[in-house]
Amino acid sequence: MVTMTAKLHYYQATGRGNAIRLALAAANIEFEDVFASFPPSKEQRETWRKLGGNTTTNVPMLELDDGRVYTQSSAVLLVVARMGGLMPNNEELYLTDKLLADAEDLRGESYKCFIPWGASQEAADKFINEVLPLHLGNLERQLKLSNGAYFIGDALTIADIACYDATVNFGSSRVPGALDSFPLLKAWVAKVEENTGIKKYLASESFAGLMKFGPETVGR
């Protein structure tokens, strides 16, 4: 277990912060959510700017108990992966990079079609019927090529966490039943959720209190 504590500065929502939360949980790193209102005020952005070393006002932002602060969600995710032993060996780094990019592609497509944020029903329907099945199919095929229970062998890695977050929080939570046509992916989701740290986090009051992306975001 990594003996440190952390604060994650973000909004009270899954969004781009939840893959980091999942990684912290899987790594057994204790963390505290520090929530901000959305949209953030000018004063809040100035606080983030100072905390982040005047390089960015972006969140999520990870603050460690030794004073180190990390920004940019993809970079923070990799920092946690390295601290928590979730990075695969050098021979598997290409596949890790690819899967992280696959997850980000799915998240990006998902963000384009939020009806509460002004997207059309037509865009949401295209996501449901075309875009999401395409991305889930790609992940299903990649999982089939794996020689183990996870995307990269028999150990949970940061690639699984990123793909889980994209698949569930940006996919099946918005479109219930989306995984029914992808049995390997569906079984893999269940396996990820059995990880001790992740299982504890998903059952926590902290996770229960987050705003999540449900069917209403695609007009269902």
C-alpha atoms as a PDB file:
ATOM      1  CA  MET A   1       0.000   0.000   0.000  1.00  0.00           C
ATOM      2  CA  VAL A   2       1.272   3.477  -0.869  1.00  0.00           C
ATOM      3  CA  THR A   3       1.612   5.403   2.397  1.00  0.00           C
ATOM      4  CA  MET A   4       0.488   8.879   1.433  1.00  0.00           C
ATOM      5  CA  THR A   5      -2.692  10.877   1.286  1.00  0.00           C
ATOM      6  CA  ALA A   6      -3.923  13.156  -1.453  1.00  0.00           C
ATOM      7  CA  LYS A   7      -6.515  15.783  -2.258  1.00  0.00           C
ATOM      8  CA  LEU A   8      -8.270  15.762  -5.618  1.00  0.00           C
ATOM      9  CA  HIS A   9      -9.549  19.169  -6.658  1.00  0.00           C
ATOM     10  CA  TYR A  10     -12.487  18.849  -9.057  1.00  0.00           C
ATOM     11  CA  TYR A  11     -16.240  19.235  -9.312  1.00  0.00           C
ATOM     12  CA  GLN A  12     -18.763  17.023  -7.530  1.00  0.00           C
ATOM     13  CA  ALA A  13     -19.183  14.870 -10.625  1.00  0.00           C
ATOM     14  CA  THR A  14     -17.583  11.882 -12.307  1.00  0.00           C
ATOM     15  CA  GLY A  15     -16.349  13.682 -15.443  1.00  0.00           C
ATOM     16  CA  ARG A  16     -12.608  13.806 -16.022  1.00  0.00           C
ATOM     17  CA  GLY A  17     -11.846  13.269 -12.356  1.00  0.00           C
ATOM     18  CA  ASN A  18     -13.246   9.808 -11.921  1.00  0.00           C
ATOM     19  CA  ALA A  19     -10.560   7.807 -13.722  1.00  0.00           C
ATOM     20  CA  ILE A  20      -8.100   9.416 -11.298  1.00  0.00           C
ATOM     21  CA  ARG A  21     -10.315   8.499  -8.340  1.00  0.00           C
ATOM     22  CA  LEU A  22     -10.508   4.913  -9.582  1.00  0.00           C
ATOM     23  CA  ALA A  23      -6.718   4.760  -9.970  1.00  0.00           C
ATOM     24  CA  LEU A  24      -6.185   6.148  -6.469  1.00  0.00           C
ATOM     25  CA  ALA A  25      -8.614   3.569  -5.110  1.00  0.00           C
ATOM     26  CA  ALA A  26      -6.964   0.683  -6.980  1.00  0.00           C
ATOM     27  CA  ALA A  27      -3.568   1.857  -5.683  1.00  0.00           C
ATOM     28  CA  ASN A  28      -4.935   2.063  -2.112  1.00  0.00           C
ATOM     29  CA  ILE A  29      -3.944   5.722  -1.856  1.00  0.00           C
ATOM     30  CA  GLU A  30      -6.162   7.575   0.609  1.00  0.00           C
ATOM     31  CA  PHE A  31      -7.653  10.697  -0.942  1.00  0.00           C
ATOM     32  CA  GLU A  32     -10.061  13.497  -0.185  1.00  0.00           C
ATOM     33  CA  ASP A  33     -12.326  15.129  -2.758  1.00  0.00           C
ATOM     34  CA  VAL A  34     -12.143  18.924  -2.692  1.00  0.00           C
ATOM     35  CA  PHE A  35     -15.187  20.061  -4.627  1.00  0.00           C
ATOM     36  CA  ALA A  36     -15.703  23.359  -6.433  1.00  0.00           C
ATOM     37  CA  SER A  37     -18.907  24.807  -7.822  1.00  0.00           C
ATOM     38  CA  PHE A  38     -19.464  24.743 -11.577  1.00  0.00           C
ATOM     39  CA  PRO A  39     -18.801  26.952 -13.388  1.00  0.00           C
ATOM     40  CA  PRO A  40     -15.895  28.039 -11.188  1.00  0.00           C
ATOM     41  CA  SER A  41     -15.629  31.649 -10.084  1.00  0.00           C
ATOM     42  CA  LYS A  42     -12.749  33.937 -10.984  1.00  0.00           C
ATOM     43  CA  GLU A  43     -11.547  33.607  -7.390  1.00  0.00           C
ATOM     44  CA  GLN A  44     -11.624  29.814  -7.592  1.00  0.00           C
ATOM     45  CA  ARG A  45      -9.595  29.839 -10.798  1.00  0.00           C
ATOM     46  CA  GLU A  46      -7.041  32.120  -9.156  1.00  0.00           C
ATOM     47  CA  THR A  47      -6.783  29.688  -6.224  1.00  0.00           C
ATOM     48  CA  TRP A  48      -6.166  26.826  -8.653  1.00  0.00           C
ATOM     49  CA  ARG A  49      -3.603  28.904 -10.549  1.00  0.00           C
ATOM     50  CA  LYS A  50      -1.598  29.507  -7.375  1.00  0.00           C
ATOM     51  CA  LEU A  51      -1.927  25.900  -6.221  1.00  0.00           C
ATOM     52  CA  GLY A  52      -0.829  24.577  -9.609  1.00  0.00           C
ATOM     53  CA  GLY A  53       2.333  26.680  -9.721  1.00  0.00           C
ATOM     54  CA  ASN A  54       0.812  29.343 -11.982  1.00  0.00           C
ATOM     55  CA  THR A  55       0.838  26.986 -14.974  1.00  0.00           C
ATOM     56  CA  THR A  56      -2.864  26.205 -15.318  1.00  0.00           C
ATOM     57  CA  THR A  57      -6.310  26.754 -13.883  1.00  0.00           C
ATOM     58  CA  ASN A  58      -7.452  23.344 -15.085  1.00  0.00           C
ATOM     59  CA  VAL A  59      -8.869  20.653 -12.856  1.00  0.00           C
ATOM     60  CA  PRO A  60      -8.695  17.832 -11.944  1.00  0.00           C
ATOM     61  CA  MET A  61      -5.655  18.753  -9.880  1.00  0.00           C
ATOM     62  CA  LEU A  62      -3.954  16.344  -7.478  1.00  0.00           C
ATOM     63  CA  GLU A  63      -2.317  17.678  -4.302  1.00  0.00           C
ATOM     64  CA  LEU A  64      -0.137  15.290  -2.271  1.00  0.00           C
ATOM     65  CA  ASP A  65       0.536  15.540   1.446  1.00  0.00           C
ATOM     66  CA  ASP A  66       4.202  16.361   0.788  1.00  0.00           C
ATOM     67  CA  GLY A  67       3.242  19.509  -1.131  1.00  0.00           C
ATOM     68  CA  ARG A  68       3.583  18.221  -4.682  1.00  0.00           C
ATOM     69  CA  VAL A  69       0.786  19.254  -7.047  1.00  0.00           C
ATOM     70  CA  TYR A  70      -0.022  17.675 -10.405  1.00  0.00           C
ATOM     71  CA  THR A  71      -2.286  19.050 -13.145  1.00  0.00           C
ATOM     72  CA  GLN A  72      -3.758  17.939 -16.498  1.00  0.00           C
ATOM     73  CA  SER A  73      -5.975  14.879 -16.164  1.00  0.00           C
ATOM     74  CA  SER A  74      -4.010  12.535 -18.436  1.00  0.00           C
ATOM     75  CA  ALA A  75      -0.710  13.417 -16.734  1.00  0.00           C
ATOM     76  CA  VAL A  76      -2.233  13.053 -13.259  1.00  0.00           C
ATOM     77  CA  LEU A  77      -3.592   9.634 -14.185  1.00  0.00           C
ATOM     78  CA  LEU A  78      -0.122   8.451 -15.203  1.00  0.00           C
ATOM     79  CA  VAL A  79       1.457   9.862 -12.036  1.00  0.00           C
ATOM     80  CA  VAL A  80      -0.984   7.866  -9.915  1.00  0.00           C
ATOM     81  CA  ALA A  81      -0.349   4.777 -12.041  1.00  0.00           C
ATOM     82  CA  ARG A  82       3.395   5.026 -11.423  1.00  0.00           C
ATOM     83  CA  MET A  83       2.976   5.645  -7.702  1.00  0.00           C
ATOM     84  CA  GLY A  84       0.531   2.778  -7.352  1.00  0.00           C
ATOM     85  CA  GLY A  85       2.256   0.109  -9.427  1.00  0.00           C
ATOM     86  CA  LEU A  86      -0.387   0.211 -12.141  1.00  0.00           C
ATOM     87  CA  MET A  87       2.004   0.722 -15.057  1.00  0.00           C
ATOM     88  CA  PRO A  88       2.922  -2.335 -17.152  1.00  0.00           C
ATOM     89  CA  ASN A  89       6.477  -3.140 -18.198  1.00  0.00           C
ATOM     90  CA  ASN A  90       8.301  -1.423 -21.051  1.00  0.00           C
ATOM     91  CA  GLU A  91       7.300  -4.009 -23.648  1.00  0.00           C
ATOM     92  CA  GLU A  92       3.636  -3.217 -23.003  1.00  0.00           C
ATOM     93  CA  LEU A  93       3.864   0.577 -22.983  1.00  0.00           C
ATOM     94  CA  TYR A  94       2.728   0.984 -26.599  1.00  0.00           C
ATOM     95  CA  LEU A  95      -0.464  -0.955 -25.902  1.00  0.00           C
ATOM     96  CA  THR A  96      -0.995   1.079 -22.744  1.00  0.00           C
ATOM     97  CA  ASP A  97      -0.627   4.334 -24.683  1.00  0.00           C
ATOM     98  CA  LYS A  98      -3.013   3.051 -27.353  1.00  0.00           C
ATOM     99  CA  LEU A  99      -5.672   2.034 -24.834  1.00  0.00           C
ATOM    100  CA  LEU A 100      -5.400   5.353 -23.005  1.00  0.00           C
ATOM    101  CA  ALA A 101      -5.955   7.070 -26.364  1.00  0.00           C
ATOM    102  CA  ASP A 102      -8.900   4.764 -27.120  1.00  0.00           C
ATOM    103  CA  ALA A 103     -10.465   5.704 -23.793  1.00  0.00           C
ATOM    104  CA  GLU A 104      -9.940   9.406 -24.453  1.00  0.00           C
ATOM    105  CA  ASP A 105     -11.499   9.060 -27.923  1.00  0.00           C
ATOM    106  CA  LEU A 106     -14.639   7.555 -26.395  1.00  0.00           C
ATOM    107  CA  ARG A 107     -14.820  10.230 -23.704  1.00  0.00           C
ATOM    108  CA  GLY A 108     -14.421  12.940 -26.330  1.00  0.00           C
ATOM    109  CA  GLU A 109     -17.241  11.557 -28.472  1.00  0.00           C
ATOM    110  CA  SER A 110     -19.432  11.186 -25.403  1.00  0.00           C
ATOM    111  CA  TYR A 111     -18.941  14.812 -24.380  1.00  0.00           C
ATOM    112  CA  LYS A 112     -20.173  15.976 -27.813  1.00  0.00           C
ATOM    113  CA  CYS A 113     -23.744  14.807 -27.293  1.00  0.00           C
ATOM    114  CA  PHE A 114     -25.031  15.929 -23.896  1.00  0.00           C
ATOM    115  CA  ILE A 115     -28.582  17.153 -24.441  1.00  0.00           C
ATOM    116  CA  PRO A 116     -28.621  19.176 -21.171  1.00  0.00           C
ATOM    117  CA  TRP A 117     -25.602  21.067 -22.523  1.00  0.00           C
ATOM    118  CA  GLY A 118     -27.265  21.911 -25.837  1.00  0.00           C
ATOM    119  CA  ALA A 119     -26.640  18.893 -28.068  1.00  0.00           C
ATOM    120  CA  SER A 120     -29.420  17.781 -30.402  1.00  0.00           C
ATOM    121  CA  GLN A 121     -31.403  14.576 -30.059  1.00  0.00           C
ATOM    122  CA  GLU A 122     -30.056  13.638 -33.475  1.00  0.00           C
ATOM    123  CA  ALA A 123     -26.487  13.810 -32.152  1.00  0.00           C
ATOM    124  CA  ALA A 124     -27.454  11.783 -29.089  1.00  0.00           C
ATOM    125  CA  ASP A 125     -29.162   9.130 -31.214  1.00  0.00           C
ATOM    126  CA  LYS A 126     -26.081   8.854 -33.422  1.00  0.00           C
ATOM    127  CA  PHE A 127     -23.956   8.328 -30.316  1.00  0.00           C
ATOM    128  CA  ILE A 128     -26.314   5.606 -29.073  1.00  0.00           C
ATOM    129  CA  ASN A 129     -26.725   3.758 -32.362  1.00  0.00           C
ATOM    130  CA  GLU A 130     -23.404   4.273 -34.141  1.00  0.00           C
ATOM    131  CA  VAL A 131     -20.603   5.916 -32.191  1.00  0.00           C
ATOM    132  CA  LEU A 132     -20.796   4.053 -28.885  1.00  0.00           C
ATOM    133  CA  PRO A 133     -21.175   0.574 -30.468  1.00  0.00           C
ATOM    134  CA  LEU A 134     -18.176   1.337 -32.710  1.00  0.00           C
ATOM    135  CA  HIS A 135     -15.936   2.199 -29.770  1.00  0.00           C
ATOM    136  CA  LEU A 136     -17.188  -0.655 -27.597  1.00  0.00           C
ATOM    137  CA  GLY A 137     -16.622  -3.046 -30.498  1.00  0.00           C
ATOM    138  CA  ASN A 138     -13.032  -1.848 -30.817  1.00  0.00           C
ATOM    139  CA  LEU A 139     -12.443  -2.468 -27.114  1.00  0.00           C
ATOM    140  CA  GLU A 140     -14.117  -5.881 -27.304  1.00  0.00           C
ATOM    141  CA  ARG A 141     -11.756  -6.925 -30.096  1.00  0.00           C
ATOM    142  CA  GLN A 142      -8.751  -5.603 -28.207  1.00  0.00           C
ATOM    143  CA  LEU A 143      -9.809  -7.532 -25.117  1.00  0.00           C
ATOM    144  CA  LYS A 144     -10.135 -10.692 -27.182  1.00  0.00           C
ATOM    145  CA  LEU A 145      -6.491 -10.331 -28.246  1.00  0.00           C
ATOM    146  CA  SER A 146      -5.339 -10.204 -24.641  1.00  0.00           C
ATOM    147  CA  ASN A 147      -3.769 -13.303 -23.161  1.00  0.00           C
ATOM    148  CA  GLY A 148      -5.185 -12.622 -19.717  1.00  0.00           C
ATOM    149  CA  ALA A 149      -8.163 -11.430 -17.742  1.00  0.00           C
ATOM    150  CA  TYR A 150      -7.429  -7.769 -18.385  1.00  0.00           C
ATOM    151  CA  PHE A 151      -6.400  -5.707 -21.389  1.00  0.00           C
ATOM    152  CA  ILE A 152      -2.730  -6.343 -20.658  1.00  0.00           C
ATOM    153  CA  GLY A 153      -2.216  -9.787 -19.146  1.00  0.00           C
ATOM    154  CA  ASP A 154      -3.499 -10.920 -15.762  1.00  0.00           C
ATOM    155  CA  ALA A 155      -2.899  -7.774 -13.715  1.00  0.00           C
ATOM    156  CA  LEU A 156      -5.050  -4.658 -13.507  1.00  0.00           C
ATOM    157  CA  THR A 157      -3.229  -1.699 -15.071  1.00  0.00           C
ATOM    158  CA  ILE A 158      -3.938   1.946 -15.735  1.00  0.00           C
ATOM    159  CA  ALA A 159      -5.163   0.929 -19.204  1.00  0.00           C
ATOM    160  CA  ASP A 160      -8.014  -1.022 -17.604  1.00  0.00           C
ATOM    161  CA  ILE A 161      -8.909   1.859 -15.324  1.00  0.00           C
ATOM    162  CA  ALA A 162      -9.018   4.412 -18.150  1.00  0.00           C
ATOM    163  CA  CYS A 163     -11.032   2.097 -20.398  1.00  0.00           C
ATOM    164  CA  TYR A 164     -13.381   1.188 -17.552  1.00  0.00           C
ATOM    165  CA  ASP A 165     -14.081   4.848 -16.832  1.00  0.00           C
ATOM    166  CA  ALA A 166     -14.764   5.572 -20.506  1.00  0.00           C
ATOM    167  CA  THR A 167     -16.842   2.420 -21.033  1.00  0.00           C
ATOM    168  CA  VAL A 168     -19.011   2.821 -17.950  1.00  0.00           C
ATOM    169  CA  ASN A 169     -19.146   6.478 -16.924  1.00  0.00           C
ATOM    170  CA  PHE A 170     -19.265   7.800 -20.486  1.00  0.00           C
ATOM    171  CA  GLY A 171     -20.958   4.809 -22.118  1.00  0.00           C
ATOM    172  CA  SER A 172     -23.147   2.263 -20.386  1.00  0.00           C
ATOM    173  CA  SER A 173     -24.307   4.587 -17.602  1.00  0.00           C
ATOM    174  CA  ARG A 174     -25.692   6.863 -20.321  1.00  0.00           C
ATOM    175  CA  VAL A 175     -26.971   4.014 -22.482  1.00  0.00           C
ATOM    176  CA  PRO A 176     -28.184   1.115 -20.304  1.00  0.00           C
ATOM    177  CA  GLY A 177     -27.835  -2.201 -22.088  1.00  0.00           C
ATOM    178  CA  ALA A 178     -25.007  -0.920 -24.288  1.00  0.00           C
ATOM    179  CA  LEU A 179     -22.734  -3.764 -23.155  1.00  0.00           C
ATOM    180  CA  ASP A 180     -25.213  -6.553 -23.883  1.00  0.00           C
ATOM    181  CA  SER A 181     -23.756  -7.094 -27.362  1.00  0.00           C
ATOM    182  CA  PHE A 182     -20.193  -7.214 -26.031  1.00  0.00           C
ATOM    183  CA  PRO A 183     -19.916 -10.178 -23.636  1.00  0.00           C
ATOM    184  CA  LEU A 184     -16.156 -10.018 -23.093  1.00  0.00           C
ATOM    185  CA  LEU A 185     -16.325  -6.339 -22.257  1.00  0.00           C
ATOM    186  CA  LYS A 186     -19.289  -6.879 -19.951  1.00  0.00           C
ATOM    187  CA  ALA A 187     -17.461  -9.628 -18.034  1.00  0.00           C
ATOM    188  CA  TRP A 188     -14.317  -7.489 -17.865  1.00  0.00           C
ATOM    189  CA  VAL A 189     -16.297  -4.582 -16.353  1.00  0.00           C
ATOM    190  CA  ALA A 190     -17.543  -6.909 -13.619  1.00  0.00           C
ATOM    191  CA  LYS A 191     -13.981  -8.101 -12.963  1.00  0.00           C
ATOM    192  CA  VAL A 192     -12.614  -4.566 -12.674  1.00  0.00           C
ATOM    193  CA  GLU A 193     -15.373  -3.772 -10.190  1.00  0.00           C
ATOM    194  CA  GLU A 194     -14.219  -6.704  -8.031  1.00  0.00           C
ATOM    195  CA  ASN A 195     -10.805  -5.112  -7.467  1.00  0.00           C
ATOM    196  CA  THR A 196     -10.625  -4.556  -3.702  1.00  0.00           C
ATOM    197  CA  GLY A 197      -9.841  -0.849  -3.800  1.00  0.00           C
ATOM    198  CA  ILE A 198     -12.238  -0.069  -6.629  1.00  0.00           C
ATOM    199  CA  LYS A 199     -15.032  -2.112  -5.052  1.00  0.00           C
ATOM    200  CA  LYS A 200     -14.625  -0.164  -1.805  1.00  0.00           C
ATOM    201  CA  TYR A 201     -14.627   3.152  -3.653  1.00  0.00           C
ATOM    202  CA  LEU A 202     -17.716   2.335  -5.736  1.00  0.00           C
ATOM    203  CA  ALA A 203     -19.577   1.452  -2.519  1.00  0.00           C
ATOM    204  CA  SER A 204     -18.469   4.642  -0.748  1.00  0.00           C
ATOM    205  CA  GLU A 205     -20.559   7.669   0.152  1.00  0.00           C
ATOM    206  CA  SER A 206     -18.021   9.757  -1.731  1.00  0.00           C
ATOM    207  CA  PHE A 207     -18.814   8.034  -5.028  1.00  0.00           C
ATOM    208  CA  ALA A 208     -22.546   7.952  -4.281  1.00  0.00           C
ATOM    209  CA  GLY A 209     -22.542  11.733  -3.880  1.00  0.00           C
ATOM    210  CA  LEU A 210     -21.083  12.461  -7.306  1.00  0.00           C
ATOM    211  CA  MET A 211     -23.172  13.711 -10.212  1.00  0.00           C
ATOM    212  CA  LYS A 212     -23.210  10.963 -12.816  1.00  0.00           C
ATOM    213  CA  PHE A 213     -24.055  10.899 -16.510  1.00  0.00           C
ATOM    214  CA  GLY A 214     -27.312   8.974 -16.906  1.00  0.00           C
ATOM    215  CA  PRO A 215     -29.811   8.226 -19.700  1.00  0.00           C
ATOM    216  CA  GLU A 216     -31.304  11.709 -19.412  1.00  0.00           C
ATOM    217  CA  THR A 217     -28.126  13.091 -20.995  1.00  0.00           C
ATOM    218  CA  VAL A 218     -29.058  11.362 -24.257  1.00  0.00           C
ATOM    219  CA  GLY A 219     -32.791  12.048 -24.007  1.00  0.00           C
ATOM    220  CA  ARG A 220     -33.763   8.622 -22.665  1.00  0.00           C
END
